[in-house]
Amino acid sequence: MSEQRTTATGGMETAYGFREVGAGEKQGLVNEVFHKVANRYDLMNDLMSGGLHRLWKDAMVAWLNPPKRPGWRVLDVAGGTGDVAFRIVEASRDNAHATVLDINGSMLAVGRERAEKRGLAAHVDFVEANAEELPFEDRTFDAYTIAFGIRNVPRIEVALSEAYRVLKPGGRLLVLEFSEVEMPLLDKVYEAWSFNAIPRIGEFVAGDGEPYRYLVESIARFPNQQNFGAMIGRAGFDRVTWRNYSGGIAALHSGWKL
C-alpha cells in the first residue's frame, strides 16, 4: 500500500481514508468516528495492533523518561481516554502534571472517569480543543506527546507547528503512530489482516465496521517514517529521529525544540 501514502509535502488534509473529501470536511467525519468508538477505543487499538500498542506506549514513556520532580508538565494530544497520560504520571511517581487535549468530548468523558477511578484526577486535567489551535501560551510545556492521533489531524503541519510553539526551549516532541512495515512478508500479512479482518471484527464487536475501515485506510495513507520525520524537521524541531516497533507496524518519532 506504499503507493497510497501521502508524502512529506502533505495530502492528509482532504484524505478521509481512501476517499477524497472537501476542504474542511475531514474533521467532522473523523469526530463522528471517535464518537462511535470512544467506549471501545482501547479495544480498537488492541484489534489494530494485536495488543502490541500497550508495549509500544510503555516504550514511548520509557524513552520520554519523565523526571521524578514536581513542576514538569506534559501535553498529551488526542489522548482523550488518558491511556498515555496515566502512564507518564505514574512513571514520574505522580510528580508530573499531564494535560490531556482532545477534540472529541466522548473520548474525554471516558478519560475523566478513568482518572477518578485510578486516583489520578489531581495530576491530570482534560481540555476539549483542536490540535491545530492549542489554547495555551507559548513555551508552556516540557513535553508534547501524541499516540495514534496525528494521522487523524487534517492539517498535520499546523499541528506540528503548534506543538513547537507551546513547548519550552529544550522541550521534546514524541509521536507514536502506525507506519510503513519494513519487514519482508510481514507487510503483506499485516495488510491482509488490516483490510480484511479488522473491519469485520469491528462490526462484530461494535456493530459498525465503517469506523474501523476508515482507521485502517488512514494508516495506509499516512506518510512513511522518513517523510513524516521531514515534516517534523520543517516544523522547527532538531535532532529528529525515530524507532520502529514490530518491523515498522508502528514508529515512534522524536524531536527537540532547541
Protein backbone atom coordinates (compact mmCIF):
# COMPACT_ATOMS: atom_id res chain seq x y z
CA MET A 1 0.00 0.00 0.00
CA SER A 2 3.03 2.30 -0.19
CA GLU A 3 1.59 3.85 -3.35
CA GLN A 4 -1.34 5.16 -1.27
CA ARG A 5 0.84 7.03 1.22
CA THR A 6 0.99 10.78 1.23
CA THR A 7 4.38 12.47 1.04
CA ALA A 8 6.31 14.90 3.19
CA THR A 9 4.60 17.75 1.36
CA GLY A 10 1.20 16.85 2.77
CA GLY A 11 -2.02 15.45 1.37
CA MET A 12 -3.78 14.24 4.52
CA GLU A 13 -5.94 17.40 4.70
CA THR A 14 -8.59 16.03 2.36
CA ALA A 15 -7.89 12.30 2.74
CA TYR A 16 -10.66 10.56 4.67
CA GLY A 17 -9.18 7.10 4.40
CA PHE A 18 -9.00 6.42 0.66
CA ARG A 19 -11.77 8.93 -0.07
CA GLU A 20 -11.04 12.50 -1.04
CA VAL A 21 -13.30 14.99 0.75
CA GLY A 22 -13.70 18.72 0.51
CA ALA A 23 -11.54 21.17 2.43
CA GLY A 24 -12.88 21.45 5.96
CA GLU A 25 -14.94 18.24 5.79
CA LYS A 26 -12.45 15.78 7.24
CA GLN A 27 -12.55 16.94 10.86
CA GLY A 28 -16.29 16.43 11.22
CA LEU A 29 -16.10 12.97 9.68
CA VAL A 30 -13.23 11.96 11.97
CA ASN A 31 -15.09 13.31 15.01
CA GLU A 32 -18.04 11.06 14.18
CA VAL A 33 -15.74 8.04 14.02
CA PHE A 34 -14.43 8.68 17.51
CA HIS A 35 -17.85 9.39 18.98
CA LYS A 36 -18.76 5.90 17.79
CA VAL A 37 -15.68 4.11 19.14
CA ALA A 38 -14.95 6.11 22.33
CA ASN A 39 -16.10 3.42 24.74
CA ARG A 40 -14.18 0.76 22.81
CA TYR A 41 -11.10 2.80 21.94
CA ASP A 42 -8.54 0.63 23.75
CA LEU A 43 -10.20 -2.46 22.31
CA MET A 44 -9.88 -0.86 18.88
CA ASN A 45 -6.14 -0.39 19.39
CA ASP A 46 -5.88 -3.97 20.60
CA LEU A 47 -7.52 -5.15 17.38
CA MET A 48 -5.35 -2.97 15.16
CA SER A 49 -2.07 -3.86 16.85
CA GLY A 50 -2.71 -7.35 18.20
CA GLY A 51 -2.39 -5.90 21.70
CA LEU A 52 1.09 -4.57 21.00
CA HIS A 53 0.05 -0.92 21.38
CA ARG A 54 0.36 -1.37 25.14
CA LEU A 55 4.03 -2.34 24.82
CA TRP A 56 4.66 0.47 22.33
CA LYS A 57 3.14 3.03 24.69
CA ASP A 58 5.29 1.73 27.54
CA ALA A 59 8.33 2.11 25.27
CA MET A 60 7.24 5.65 24.42
CA VAL A 61 7.05 6.62 28.08
CA ALA A 62 10.39 4.94 28.80
CA TRP A 63 12.06 6.96 26.01
CA LEU A 64 10.40 10.14 27.31
CA ASN A 65 11.71 9.29 30.79
CA PRO A 66 9.67 11.88 32.71
CA PRO A 67 11.62 13.32 35.65
CA LYS A 68 10.56 12.41 39.15
CA ARG A 69 10.30 16.01 40.33
CA PRO A 70 7.35 18.40 40.72
CA GLY A 71 6.63 21.07 38.15
CA TRP A 72 7.26 19.11 34.95
CA ARG A 73 4.35 19.40 32.51
CA VAL A 74 3.36 17.29 29.52
CA LEU A 75 0.64 17.90 26.94
CA ASP A 76 -0.83 14.66 25.59
CA VAL A 77 -2.80 15.42 22.43
CA ALA A 78 -5.54 13.20 21.01
CA GLY A 79 -5.25 11.17 24.17
CA GLY A 80 -8.80 11.55 25.42
CA THR A 81 -9.04 8.24 27.29
CA GLY A 82 -5.90 9.08 29.30
CA ASP A 83 -4.04 5.92 28.36
CA VAL A 84 -0.68 7.63 27.72
CA ALA A 85 -1.08 10.43 30.25
CA PHE A 86 -1.68 7.99 33.10
CA ARG A 87 1.45 6.06 32.17
CA ILE A 88 3.52 9.26 32.18
CA VAL A 89 2.24 10.42 35.55
CA GLU A 90 2.82 7.01 37.11
CA ALA A 91 6.33 6.81 35.61
CA SER A 92 7.10 10.16 37.28
CA ARG A 93 5.89 8.74 40.61
CA ASP A 94 2.96 11.16 40.49
CA ASN A 95 5.21 14.22 40.18
CA ALA A 96 4.42 15.17 36.57
CA HIS A 97 1.26 17.00 35.60
CA ALA A 98 -0.42 15.91 32.38
CA THR A 99 -2.87 17.90 30.31
CA VAL A 100 -4.91 15.68 28.01
CA LEU A 101 -6.24 17.50 24.96
CA ASP A 102 -8.75 16.00 22.57
CA ILE A 103 -11.22 17.45 20.09
CA ASN A 104 -13.73 14.73 20.95
CA GLY A 105 -15.84 15.15 24.08
CA SER A 106 -16.86 11.49 24.15
CA MET A 107 -13.22 10.42 24.42
CA LEU A 108 -12.54 12.97 27.17
CA ALA A 109 -15.54 11.74 29.18
CA VAL A 110 -14.01 8.26 29.22
CA GLY A 111 -10.67 9.71 30.35
CA ARG A 112 -12.13 11.77 33.19
CA GLU A 113 -13.98 8.75 34.54
CA ARG A 114 -10.84 6.62 34.39
CA ALA A 115 -8.73 9.31 36.09
CA GLU A 116 -11.15 9.37 39.02
CA LYS A 117 -11.16 5.59 39.32
CA ARG A 118 -7.34 5.45 39.27
CA GLY A 119 -6.91 8.26 41.80
CA LEU A 120 -5.08 10.45 39.27
CA ALA A 121 -7.57 13.30 38.91
CA ALA A 122 -5.27 15.69 40.78
CA HIS A 123 -2.44 15.01 38.33
CA VAL A 124 -4.34 15.09 35.03
CA ASP A 125 -6.64 17.70 33.53
CA PHE A 126 -8.71 17.37 30.38
CA VAL A 127 -9.22 20.01 27.70
CA GLU A 128 -11.52 19.85 24.69
CA ALA A 129 -9.76 21.66 21.87
CA ASN A 130 -8.25 21.31 18.40
CA ALA A 131 -4.63 20.21 17.88
CA GLU A 132 -4.40 22.80 15.12
CA GLU A 133 -5.22 25.66 17.52
CA LEU A 134 -3.95 24.92 21.01
CA PRO A 135 -5.44 27.13 23.76
CA PHE A 136 -2.13 27.59 25.59
CA GLU A 137 0.53 30.26 25.85
CA ASP A 138 3.88 29.90 24.12
CA ARG A 139 6.51 27.88 25.98
CA THR A 140 4.11 26.21 28.43
CA PHE A 141 5.04 22.52 28.36
CA ASP A 142 8.17 20.42 28.85
CA ALA A 143 6.93 17.68 26.52
CA TYR A 144 4.27 17.07 23.89
CA THR A 145 3.09 13.52 23.20
CA ILE A 146 0.57 12.13 20.74
CA ALA A 147 -0.13 8.43 20.20
CA PHE A 148 -2.07 7.18 17.18
CA GLY A 149 -3.69 10.59 16.73
CA ILE A 150 -1.60 12.68 14.37
CA ARG A 151 -2.87 10.91 11.24
CA ASN A 152 -6.43 11.99 12.13
CA VAL A 153 -5.49 15.68 12.20
CA PRO A 154 -6.37 17.26 8.84
CA ARG A 155 -3.52 19.79 8.76
CA ILE A 156 -0.63 17.86 10.28
CA GLU A 157 1.93 20.57 9.58
CA VAL A 158 -0.19 23.09 11.52
CA ALA A 159 -0.44 20.72 14.50
CA LEU A 160 3.34 20.21 14.49
CA SER A 161 3.91 23.98 14.41
CA GLU A 162 1.53 24.37 17.35
CA ALA A 163 3.43 21.66 19.21
CA TYR A 164 6.64 23.60 18.65
CA ARG A 165 5.03 26.84 19.83
CA VAL A 166 3.74 25.54 23.17
CA LEU A 167 6.95 23.69 24.08
CA LYS A 168 9.56 25.31 26.27
CA PRO A 169 13.10 25.63 24.89
CA GLY A 170 14.62 22.20 25.46
CA GLY A 171 11.17 20.62 25.22
CA ARG A 172 10.55 17.36 23.44
CA LEU A 173 8.03 16.04 20.93
CA LEU A 174 7.18 12.33 20.79
CA VAL A 175 4.79 10.97 18.17
CA LEU A 176 3.76 7.30 18.17
CA GLU A 177 1.92 6.28 15.03
CA PHE A 178 1.19 3.30 12.82
CA SER A 179 3.69 3.45 9.99
CA GLU A 180 5.14 1.62 7.00
CA VAL A 181 6.05 -2.02 7.60
CA GLU A 182 9.65 -2.55 6.50
CA MET A 183 9.99 -6.27 7.15
CA PRO A 184 9.55 -8.51 4.09
CA LEU A 185 6.42 -10.70 4.16
CA LEU A 186 5.18 -9.05 7.37
CA ASP A 187 3.90 -6.15 5.28
CA LYS A 188 1.67 -8.47 3.24
CA VAL A 189 0.39 -10.31 6.32
CA TYR A 190 -0.37 -7.06 8.14
CA GLU A 191 -2.10 -5.58 5.08
CA ALA A 192 -4.31 -8.62 4.69
CA TRP A 193 -5.19 -8.60 8.39
CA SER A 194 -5.91 -4.88 8.42
CA PHE A 195 -8.18 -4.65 5.40
CA ASN A 196 -9.98 -7.97 5.70
CA ALA A 197 -10.20 -8.82 9.39
CA ILE A 198 -10.31 -5.57 11.34
CA PRO A 199 -13.49 -4.06 9.78
CA ARG A 200 -15.29 -7.38 10.20
CA ILE A 201 -14.21 -7.70 13.81
CA GLY A 202 -15.22 -4.07 14.38
CA GLU A 203 -18.66 -4.81 13.00
CA PHE A 204 -18.98 -7.82 15.29
CA VAL A 205 -17.70 -6.06 18.43
CA ALA A 206 -19.12 -2.57 17.90
CA GLY A 207 -21.93 -3.25 15.45
CA ASP A 208 -20.36 -0.99 12.82
CA GLY A 209 -17.36 -1.81 10.67
CA GLU A 210 -17.10 1.51 8.85
CA PRO A 211 -15.17 3.43 11.57
CA TYR A 212 -12.60 0.65 11.59
CA ARG A 213 -12.37 0.68 7.80
CA TYR A 214 -11.55 4.40 7.92
CA LEU A 215 -8.90 3.85 10.60
CA VAL A 216 -7.21 1.11 8.58
CA GLU A 217 -7.24 3.23 5.44
CA SER A 218 -5.88 6.25 7.31
CA ILE A 219 -2.85 4.18 8.34
CA ALA A 220 -2.20 3.29 4.71
CA ARG A 221 -2.36 6.96 3.70
CA PHE A 222 -0.07 8.31 6.43
CA PRO A 223 3.47 9.38 5.40
CA ASN A 224 6.21 6.80 5.95
CA GLN A 225 8.89 7.20 8.60
CA GLN A 226 11.28 9.30 6.53
CA ASN A 227 8.61 11.61 5.13
CA PHE A 228 6.98 12.19 8.50
CA GLY A 229 10.40 12.86 10.02
CA ALA A 230 10.91 15.51 7.35
CA MET A 231 7.61 17.15 8.32
CA ILE A 232 8.74 17.32 11.96
CA GLY A 233 12.00 18.93 10.91
CA ARG A 234 10.19 21.53 8.81
CA ALA A 235 8.13 22.49 11.86
CA GLY A 236 11.38 23.61 13.53
CA PHE A 237 12.39 20.57 15.53
CA ASP A 238 16.01 19.43 15.80
CA ARG A 239 17.61 16.03 16.35
CA VAL A 240 14.68 14.31 14.67
CA THR A 241 14.89 10.54 14.81
CA TRP A 242 12.60 7.54 15.06
CA ARG A 243 12.42 3.97 16.25
CA ASN A 244 10.49 1.22 14.52
CA TYR A 245 8.46 -1.26 16.51
CA SER A 246 7.35 -4.67 15.28
CA GLY A 247 9.01 -4.31 11.91
CA GLY A 248 7.61 -0.84 11.30
CA ILE A 249 3.96 -1.55 12.09
CA ALA A 250 4.43 1.41 14.43
CA ALA A 251 7.12 4.06 14.62
CA LEU A 252 7.99 6.47 17.43
CA HIS A 253 9.32 9.83 16.23
CA SER A 254 11.27 12.18 18.49
CA GLY A 255 12.22 15.82 18.04
CA TRP A 256 13.58 18.59 20.26
CA LYS A 257 12.94 22.31 20.49
CA LEU A 258 16.49 23.59 20.84
